[in-house]
């Protein structure tokens, strides 16, 4: 568990329909025994019905963990009552447990690799700490992750965008949902030493080109898929072809 984790449980119910094991993970290959009888019952049930929740995506078989609502019909009446009594959110992962409103994973030692990698795989930003999006650590994570897409957009729009900050703004926004405009402005003023007017002008350039979108005090960048679509359109228009 991440040392900064306040055990709010949000990742276990806001991502619940995405949480899955891959076929080569230990928990899938062999059922693990647990001393807690209720946890053990749920583990056995999961293994009994896990094929009902598996799905092949991106050429990989993924064994999704059902939510408590999904696993509820398979429990006996006593366990159903126990599940209802401990449940905070109907869409939470079936292995999420609560003690005095603090969340914990009942299979923590054997949980999916994607859970072990979170929030590192999100640039250190978790559901409970969105303020970490406004840091240099997250900016450099994004730069490493989607820098290739930013470079492609720089080439496409080199004649229309001449403010370097515009692509720095796009780097932090791309593919990562809504950002608070005020917090974003403060970040670039404080950490990158741009003036407020420079930031506003760069954002206006990006909005004019449809690379970022603003609704009141929320701002969002385009996704990687949208970048790919723009690159394809430019290549088609200019008669270029991808190398074979």
C-alpha atoms as a PDB file:
ATOM      1  CA  UNK A   1       0.000   0.000   0.000  1.00  0.00           C
ATOM      2  CA  UNK A   2       1.292   3.490  -0.870  1.00  0.00           C
ATOM      3  CA  UNK A   3       2.681   5.294   2.194  1.00  0.00           C
ATOM      4  CA  UNK A   4       0.565   8.354   1.382  1.00  0.00           C
ATOM      5  CA  UNK A   5      -2.626   6.289   1.239  1.00  0.00           C
ATOM      6  CA  UNK A   6      -5.368   7.515   3.607  1.00  0.00           C
ATOM      7  CA  UNK A   7      -7.399   4.335   2.959  1.00  0.00           C
ATOM      8  CA  UNK A   8     -10.385   6.178   1.542  1.00  0.00           C
ATOM      9  CA  UNK A   9     -11.313   3.189  -0.657  1.00  0.00           C
ATOM     10  CA  UNK A  10     -12.218   5.303  -3.684  1.00  0.00           C
ATOM     11  CA  UNK A  11      -9.934   3.374  -6.040  1.00  0.00           C
ATOM     12  CA  UNK A  12     -11.714   0.171  -4.962  1.00  0.00           C
ATOM     13  CA  UNK A  13     -15.156   1.393  -6.007  1.00  0.00           C
ATOM     14  CA  UNK A  14     -14.537   4.065  -8.658  1.00  0.00           C
ATOM     15  CA  UNK A  15     -12.298   1.633 -10.597  1.00  0.00           C
ATOM     16  CA  UNK A  16     -14.183  -1.469  -9.457  1.00  0.00           C
ATOM     17  CA  UNK A  17     -15.398  -2.527 -12.922  1.00  0.00           C
ATOM     18  CA  UNK A  18     -11.823  -2.323 -14.219  1.00  0.00           C
ATOM     19  CA  UNK A  19     -10.035  -4.309 -11.499  1.00  0.00           C
ATOM     20  CA  UNK A  20      -8.805  -7.632 -12.849  1.00  0.00           C
ATOM     21  CA  UNK A  21      -6.164 -10.352 -12.684  1.00  0.00           C
ATOM     22  CA  UNK A  22      -4.152 -11.536 -15.646  1.00  0.00           C
ATOM     23  CA  UNK A  23      -4.078 -15.287 -16.308  1.00  0.00           C
ATOM     24  CA  UNK A  24      -0.517 -15.753 -15.025  1.00  0.00           C
ATOM     25  CA  UNK A  25      -1.049 -14.143 -11.615  1.00  0.00           C
ATOM     26  CA  UNK A  26      -0.666 -16.336  -8.542  1.00  0.00           C
ATOM     27  CA  UNK A  27      -4.216 -15.814  -7.283  1.00  0.00           C
ATOM     28  CA  UNK A  28      -5.647 -17.121 -10.567  1.00  0.00           C
ATOM     29  CA  UNK A  29      -3.270 -20.041 -10.965  1.00  0.00           C
ATOM     30  CA  UNK A  30      -3.918 -21.458  -7.493  1.00  0.00           C
ATOM     31  CA  UNK A  31      -6.547 -20.603  -4.852  1.00  0.00           C
ATOM     32  CA  UNK A  32      -4.966 -19.115  -1.726  1.00  0.00           C
ATOM     33  CA  UNK A  33      -6.284 -20.179   1.681  1.00  0.00           C
ATOM     34  CA  UNK A  34      -7.317 -17.499   4.178  1.00  0.00           C
ATOM     35  CA  UNK A  35      -7.915 -17.913   7.902  1.00  0.00           C
ATOM     36  CA  UNK A  36     -10.918 -15.578   7.964  1.00  0.00           C
ATOM     37  CA  UNK A  37     -13.912 -17.810   7.144  1.00  0.00           C
ATOM     38  CA  UNK A  38     -15.873 -15.057   5.363  1.00  0.00           C
ATOM     39  CA  UNK A  39     -12.893 -14.059   3.210  1.00  0.00           C
ATOM     40  CA  UNK A  40     -12.204 -17.711   2.476  1.00  0.00           C
ATOM     41  CA  UNK A  41     -15.827 -18.186   1.373  1.00  0.00           C
ATOM     42  CA  UNK A  42     -15.551 -15.231  -1.008  1.00  0.00           C
ATOM     43  CA  UNK A  43     -12.212 -16.472  -2.391  1.00  0.00           C
ATOM     44  CA  UNK A  44     -13.714 -19.896  -3.094  1.00  0.00           C
ATOM     45  CA  UNK A  45     -16.757 -18.301  -4.700  1.00  0.00           C
ATOM     46  CA  UNK A  46     -14.565 -16.124  -6.882  1.00  0.00           C
ATOM     47  CA  UNK A  47     -12.642 -19.150  -8.134  1.00  0.00           C
ATOM     48  CA  UNK A  48     -15.858 -21.045  -8.686  1.00  0.00           C
ATOM     49  CA  UNK A  49     -17.416 -18.315 -10.808  1.00  0.00           C
ATOM     50  CA  UNK A  50     -14.409 -16.374 -12.117  1.00  0.00           C
ATOM     51  CA  UNK A  51     -14.970 -17.629 -15.673  1.00  0.00           C
ATOM     52  CA  UNK A  52     -18.259 -15.714 -15.660  1.00  0.00           C
ATOM     53  CA  UNK A  53     -16.319 -12.480 -15.213  1.00  0.00           C
ATOM     54  CA  UNK A  54     -13.382 -13.087 -17.552  1.00  0.00           C
ATOM     55  CA  UNK A  55     -12.948 -11.190 -20.785  1.00  0.00           C
ATOM     56  CA  UNK A  56     -10.301 -11.106 -23.490  1.00  0.00           C
ATOM     57  CA  UNK A  57      -9.135  -7.588 -24.328  1.00  0.00           C
ATOM     58  CA  UNK A  58      -6.004  -6.447 -26.154  1.00  0.00           C
ATOM     59  CA  UNK A  59      -5.122 -10.119 -26.752  1.00  0.00           C
ATOM     60  CA  UNK A  60      -4.980 -10.845 -23.020  1.00  0.00           C
ATOM     61  CA  UNK A  61      -7.411 -12.808 -20.900  1.00  0.00           C
ATOM     62  CA  UNK A  62      -8.465 -10.695 -17.941  1.00  0.00           C
ATOM     63  CA  UNK A  63     -10.252 -12.116 -14.910  1.00  0.00           C
ATOM     64  CA  UNK A  64     -12.321  -9.252 -13.544  1.00  0.00           C
ATOM     65  CA  UNK A  65     -13.186  -9.096  -9.865  1.00  0.00           C
ATOM     66  CA  UNK A  66     -16.949  -8.695  -9.386  1.00  0.00           C
ATOM     67  CA  UNK A  67     -18.375  -5.980  -7.198  1.00  0.00           C
ATOM     68  CA  UNK A  68     -20.195  -6.828  -3.988  1.00  0.00           C
ATOM     69  CA  UNK A  69     -23.449  -6.234  -5.812  1.00  0.00           C
ATOM     70  CA  UNK A  70     -22.436  -8.742  -8.506  1.00  0.00           C
ATOM     71  CA  UNK A  71     -21.266 -11.428  -6.075  1.00  0.00           C
ATOM     72  CA  UNK A  72     -24.239 -10.976  -3.716  1.00  0.00           C
ATOM     73  CA  UNK A  73     -26.558 -13.574  -5.373  1.00  0.00           C
ATOM     74  CA  UNK A  74     -23.899 -16.299  -4.984  1.00  0.00           C
ATOM     75  CA  UNK A  75     -23.538 -15.872  -1.197  1.00  0.00           C
ATOM     76  CA  UNK A  76     -25.596 -17.737   1.372  1.00  0.00           C
ATOM     77  CA  UNK A  77     -28.171 -15.743   3.359  1.00  0.00           C
ATOM     78  CA  UNK A  78     -25.926 -15.256   6.405  1.00  0.00           C
ATOM     79  CA  UNK A  79     -23.050 -13.996   4.265  1.00  0.00           C
ATOM     80  CA  UNK A  80     -25.410 -11.753   2.305  1.00  0.00           C
ATOM     81  CA  UNK A  81     -26.432 -10.047   5.556  1.00  0.00           C
ATOM     82  CA  UNK A  82     -22.787  -9.700   6.569  1.00  0.00           C
ATOM     83  CA  UNK A  83     -21.952  -8.199   3.170  1.00  0.00           C
ATOM     84  CA  UNK A  84     -24.774  -5.646   3.407  1.00  0.00           C
ATOM     85  CA  UNK A  85     -23.752  -4.645   6.931  1.00  0.00           C
ATOM     86  CA  UNK A  86     -20.136  -3.950   5.915  1.00  0.00           C
ATOM     87  CA  UNK A  87     -20.840  -2.403   2.485  1.00  0.00           C
ATOM     88  CA  UNK A  88     -20.284   1.335   2.031  1.00  0.00           C
ATOM     89  CA  UNK A  89     -20.721   1.543  -1.752  1.00  0.00           C
ATOM     90  CA  UNK A  90     -22.635  -1.016  -3.892  1.00  0.00           C
ATOM     91  CA  UNK A  91     -20.021  -0.911  -6.646  1.00  0.00           C
ATOM     92  CA  UNK A  92     -17.034  -1.555  -4.423  1.00  0.00           C
ATOM     93  CA  UNK A  93     -14.722  -4.497  -5.093  1.00  0.00           C
ATOM     94  CA  UNK A  94     -15.922  -7.712  -3.457  1.00  0.00           C
ATOM     95  CA  UNK A  95     -12.649  -7.945  -1.503  1.00  0.00           C
ATOM     96  CA  UNK A  96     -12.831  -4.442  -0.038  1.00  0.00           C
ATOM     97  CA  UNK A  97     -13.209  -4.383   3.731  1.00  0.00           C
ATOM     98  CA  UNK A  98     -13.951  -1.532   6.122  1.00  0.00           C
ATOM     99  CA  UNK A  99     -12.827  -0.948   9.689  1.00  0.00           C
ATOM    100  CA  UNK A 100     -14.156   2.280  11.179  1.00  0.00           C
ATOM    101  CA  UNK A 101     -14.529   3.706   7.672  1.00  0.00           C
ATOM    102  CA  UNK A 102     -10.934   2.898   6.755  1.00  0.00           C
ATOM    103  CA  UNK A 103     -10.605   0.694   3.680  1.00  0.00           C
ATOM    104  CA  UNK A 104      -8.410  -2.372   3.371  1.00  0.00           C
ATOM    105  CA  UNK A 105      -8.039  -5.184   0.869  1.00  0.00           C
ATOM    106  CA  UNK A 106      -8.903  -8.647   2.162  1.00  0.00           C
ATOM    107  CA  UNK A 107      -6.493 -10.242  -0.322  1.00  0.00           C
ATOM    108  CA  UNK A 108      -3.893  -7.453  -0.191  1.00  0.00           C
ATOM    109  CA  UNK A 109      -0.879  -9.757  -0.377  1.00  0.00           C
ATOM    110  CA  UNK A 110      -2.298 -11.464  -3.467  1.00  0.00           C
ATOM    111  CA  UNK A 111      -4.294  -8.670  -5.120  1.00  0.00           C
ATOM    112  CA  UNK A 112      -3.972  -7.903  -8.858  1.00  0.00           C
ATOM    113  CA  UNK A 113      -0.738  -6.441 -10.172  1.00  0.00           C
ATOM    114  CA  UNK A 114      -2.692  -3.403 -11.372  1.00  0.00           C
ATOM    115  CA  UNK A 115      -3.630  -2.700  -7.740  1.00  0.00           C
ATOM    116  CA  UNK A 116      -0.013  -3.101  -6.630  1.00  0.00           C
ATOM    117  CA  UNK A 117       1.066  -0.634  -9.334  1.00  0.00           C
ATOM    118  CA  UNK A 118      -1.525   1.975  -8.335  1.00  0.00           C
ATOM    119  CA  UNK A 119      -1.056   4.930  -8.069  1.00  0.00           C
ATOM    120  CA  UNK A 120       2.515   4.712  -9.431  1.00  0.00           C
ATOM    121  CA  UNK A 121       1.067   3.767 -12.813  1.00  0.00           C
ATOM    122  CA  UNK A 122      -1.009   6.966 -12.682  1.00  0.00           C
ATOM    123  CA  UNK A 123       1.922   9.283 -12.060  1.00  0.00           C
ATOM    124  CA  UNK A 124       1.414   9.140  -8.297  1.00  0.00           C
ATOM    125  CA  UNK A 125      -2.085  10.611  -8.589  1.00  0.00           C
ATOM    126  CA  UNK A 126      -4.836   8.636  -6.899  1.00  0.00           C
ATOM    127  CA  UNK A 127      -8.570   9.194  -6.575  1.00  0.00           C
ATOM    128  CA  UNK A 128      -8.139  10.495  -3.043  1.00  0.00           C
ATOM    129  CA  UNK A 129      -5.340  12.954  -3.900  1.00  0.00           C
ATOM    130  CA  UNK A 130      -6.161  14.787  -7.157  1.00  0.00           C
ATOM    131  CA  UNK A 131      -4.010  17.730  -5.988  1.00  0.00           C
ATOM    132  CA  UNK A 132      -0.960  15.660  -6.971  1.00  0.00           C
ATOM    133  CA  UNK A 133      -1.789  16.369 -10.611  1.00  0.00           C
ATOM    134  CA  UNK A 134      -0.445  19.889 -10.071  1.00  0.00           C
ATOM    135  CA  UNK A 135       3.160  18.874  -9.405  1.00  0.00           C
ATOM    136  CA  UNK A 136       6.376  18.620 -11.385  1.00  0.00           C
ATOM    137  CA  UNK A 137       6.516  14.927 -10.536  1.00  0.00           C
ATOM    138  CA  UNK A 138       3.259  14.361 -12.402  1.00  0.00           C
ATOM    139  CA  UNK A 139       4.296  16.663 -15.257  1.00  0.00           C
ATOM    140  CA  UNK A 140       7.485  14.639 -15.884  1.00  0.00           C
ATOM    141  CA  UNK A 141       5.552  11.397 -15.608  1.00  0.00           C
ATOM    142  CA  UNK A 142       3.205  12.646 -18.317  1.00  0.00           C
ATOM    143  CA  UNK A 143       6.125  13.875 -20.438  1.00  0.00           C
ATOM    144  CA  UNK A 144       7.689  10.435 -20.344  1.00  0.00           C
ATOM    145  CA  UNK A 145       4.396   8.683 -21.004  1.00  0.00           C
ATOM    146  CA  UNK A 146       2.936  10.784 -23.825  1.00  0.00           C
ATOM    147  CA  UNK A 147       5.915  12.872 -24.956  1.00  0.00           C
ATOM    148  CA  UNK A 148       5.860  11.225 -28.388  1.00  0.00           C
ATOM    149  CA  UNK A 149       2.331  12.508 -28.982  1.00  0.00           C
ATOM    150  CA  UNK A 150       3.294  16.025 -27.880  1.00  0.00           C
ATOM    151  CA  UNK A 151       6.239  15.995 -30.308  1.00  0.00           C
ATOM    152  CA  UNK A 152       3.914  14.991 -33.138  1.00  0.00           C
ATOM    153  CA  UNK A 153       1.535  17.858 -32.303  1.00  0.00           C
ATOM    154  CA  UNK A 154       4.459  20.287 -32.152  1.00  0.00           C
ATOM    155  CA  UNK A 155       5.335  19.344 -35.723  1.00  0.00           C
ATOM    156  CA  UNK A 156       1.753  19.587 -36.922  1.00  0.00           C
ATOM    157  CA  UNK A 157       1.112  22.979 -35.312  1.00  0.00           C
ATOM    158  CA  UNK A 158       4.607  24.489 -35.475  1.00  0.00           C
ATOM    159  CA  UNK A 159       3.353  27.337 -37.675  1.00  0.00           C
ATOM    160  CA  UNK A 160       0.271  28.067 -35.569  1.00  0.00           C
ATOM    161  CA  UNK A 161       1.611  27.772 -32.018  1.00  0.00           C
ATOM    162  CA  UNK A 162       4.787  29.654 -31.131  1.00  0.00           C
ATOM    163  CA  UNK A 163       4.499  29.575 -27.345  1.00  0.00           C
ATOM    164  CA  UNK A 164       6.442  26.666 -25.758  1.00  0.00           C
ATOM    165  CA  UNK A 165       4.192  26.792 -22.703  1.00  0.00           C
ATOM    166  CA  UNK A 166       1.254  25.705 -24.857  1.00  0.00           C
ATOM    167  CA  UNK A 167       2.730  22.229 -25.282  1.00  0.00           C
ATOM    168  CA  UNK A 168       3.718  22.085 -21.616  1.00  0.00           C
ATOM    169  CA  UNK A 169       0.072  22.743 -20.742  1.00  0.00           C
ATOM    170  CA  UNK A 170      -1.028  20.094 -23.193  1.00  0.00           C
ATOM    171  CA  UNK A 171       1.483  17.625 -21.698  1.00  0.00           C
ATOM    172  CA  UNK A 172      -0.044  17.799 -18.247  1.00  0.00           C
ATOM    173  CA  UNK A 173      -3.641  17.765 -19.502  1.00  0.00           C
ATOM    174  CA  UNK A 174      -3.546  15.056 -22.153  1.00  0.00           C
ATOM    175  CA  UNK A 175      -5.484  11.893 -21.463  1.00  0.00           C
ATOM    176  CA  UNK A 176      -6.040  12.638 -17.781  1.00  0.00           C
ATOM    177  CA  UNK A 177      -9.518  14.067 -17.322  1.00  0.00           C
ATOM    178  CA  UNK A 178     -10.584  17.373 -15.839  1.00  0.00           C
ATOM    179  CA  UNK A 179      -8.273  19.870 -14.183  1.00  0.00           C
ATOM    180  CA  UNK A 180      -9.118  22.856 -12.030  1.00  0.00           C
ATOM    181  CA  UNK A 181      -8.218  25.983 -13.997  1.00  0.00           C
ATOM    182  CA  UNK A 182      -7.146  28.041 -10.977  1.00  0.00           C
ATOM    183  CA  UNK A 183      -4.877  25.293  -9.626  1.00  0.00           C
ATOM    184  CA  UNK A 184      -3.375  24.773 -13.077  1.00  0.00           C
ATOM    185  CA  UNK A 185      -2.640  28.488 -13.430  1.00  0.00           C
ATOM    186  CA  UNK A 186      -0.956  28.610 -10.016  1.00  0.00           C
ATOM    187  CA  UNK A 187       1.148  25.541 -10.892  1.00  0.00           C
ATOM    188  CA  UNK A 188       2.555  27.057 -14.098  1.00  0.00           C
ATOM    189  CA  UNK A 189       3.094  30.440 -12.451  1.00  0.00           C
ATOM    190  CA  UNK A 190       4.840  29.007  -9.393  1.00  0.00           C
ATOM    191  CA  UNK A 191       6.770  26.032 -10.826  1.00  0.00           C
ATOM    192  CA  UNK A 192       7.449  27.184 -14.392  1.00  0.00           C
ATOM    193  CA  UNK A 193       7.586  30.966 -13.770  1.00  0.00           C
ATOM    194  CA  UNK A 194       5.190  31.911 -16.560  1.00  0.00           C
ATOM    195  CA  UNK A 195       3.068  35.018 -16.216  1.00  0.00           C
ATOM    196  CA  UNK A 196      -0.694  34.728 -16.011  1.00  0.00           C
ATOM    197  CA  UNK A 197      -1.087  36.513 -19.364  1.00  0.00           C
ATOM    198  CA  UNK A 198       1.311  34.060 -21.073  1.00  0.00           C
ATOM    199  CA  UNK A 199      -0.662  31.113 -19.724  1.00  0.00           C
ATOM    200  CA  UNK A 200      -4.020  32.574 -20.786  1.00  0.00           C
ATOM    201  CA  UNK A 201      -2.776  33.322 -24.331  1.00  0.00           C
ATOM    202  CA  UNK A 202      -1.351  29.813 -24.698  1.00  0.00           C
ATOM    203  CA  UNK A 203      -4.610  28.294 -23.517  1.00  0.00           C
ATOM    204  CA  UNK A 204      -6.542  30.444 -25.992  1.00  0.00           C
ATOM    205  CA  UNK A 205      -4.321  29.124 -28.813  1.00  0.00           C
ATOM    206  CA  UNK A 206      -4.962  25.536 -27.727  1.00  0.00           C
ATOM    207  CA  UNK A 207      -8.720  26.095 -27.431  1.00  0.00           C
ATOM    208  CA  UNK A 208      -8.867  27.676 -30.894  1.00  0.00           C
ATOM    209  CA  UNK A 209      -7.272  24.520 -32.334  1.00  0.00           C
ATOM    210  CA  UNK A 210      -9.534  22.175 -30.362  1.00  0.00           C
ATOM    211  CA  UNK A 211      -6.621  20.727 -28.390  1.00  0.00           C
ATOM    212  CA  UNK A 212      -8.067  21.653 -25.000  1.00  0.00           C
ATOM    213  CA  UNK A 213     -11.608  22.313 -23.829  1.00  0.00           C
ATOM    214  CA  UNK A 214     -12.889  24.516 -21.044  1.00  0.00           C
ATOM    215  CA  UNK A 215     -16.201  24.515 -19.225  1.00  0.00           C
ATOM    216  CA  UNK A 216     -16.397  27.175 -16.549  1.00  0.00           C
ATOM    217  CA  UNK A 217     -13.497  26.496 -14.180  1.00  0.00           C
ATOM    218  CA  UNK A 218     -12.723  23.011 -15.505  1.00  0.00           C
ATOM    219  CA  UNK A 219     -10.248  22.352 -18.310  1.00  0.00           C
ATOM    220  CA  UNK A 220      -9.410  19.172 -20.202  1.00  0.00           C
ATOM    221  CA  UNK A 221      -6.970  18.123 -22.911  1.00  0.00           C
ATOM    222  CA  UNK A 222      -7.552  15.813 -25.858  1.00  0.00           C
ATOM    223  CA  UNK A 223      -6.894  12.084 -25.578  1.00  0.00           C
ATOM    224  CA  UNK A 224      -4.167  10.017 -27.206  1.00  0.00           C
ATOM    225  CA  UNK A 225      -6.769   8.524 -29.556  1.00  0.00           C
ATOM    226  CA  UNK A 226      -7.728  12.010 -30.680  1.00  0.00           C
ATOM    227  CA  UNK A 227      -4.051  12.810 -31.298  1.00  0.00           C
ATOM    228  CA  UNK A 228      -3.741   9.697 -33.457  1.00  0.00           C
ATOM    229  CA  UNK A 229      -6.816  10.777 -35.428  1.00  0.00           C
ATOM    230  CA  UNK A 230      -5.311  14.241 -36.000  1.00  0.00           C
ATOM    231  CA  UNK A 231      -2.003  12.737 -37.157  1.00  0.00           C
ATOM    232  CA  UNK A 232      -3.819  10.405 -39.569  1.00  0.00           C
ATOM    233  CA  UNK A 233      -5.785  13.349 -40.969  1.00  0.00           C
ATOM    234  CA  UNK A 234      -2.663  15.461 -41.524  1.00  0.00           C
ATOM    235  CA  UNK A 235      -0.808  12.583 -43.176  1.00  0.00           C
ATOM    236  CA  UNK A 236      -3.753  11.905 -45.451  1.00  0.00           C
ATOM    237  CA  UNK A 237      -4.068  15.580 -46.358  1.00  0.00           C
ATOM    238  CA  UNK A 238      -0.341  15.865 -47.129  1.00  0.00           C
ATOM    239  CA  UNK A 239      -0.110  12.542 -48.933  1.00  0.00           C
ATOM    240  CA  UNK A 240       2.294  11.014 -46.433  1.00  0.00           C
ATOM    241  CA  UNK A 241       2.459   7.326 -45.592  1.00  0.00           C
ATOM    242  CA  UNK A 242       3.535   5.433 -42.488  1.00  0.00           C
ATOM    243  CA  UNK A 243       6.861   3.586 -42.919  1.00  0.00           C
ATOM    244  CA  UNK A 244       6.415  -0.136 -43.557  1.00  0.00           C
END
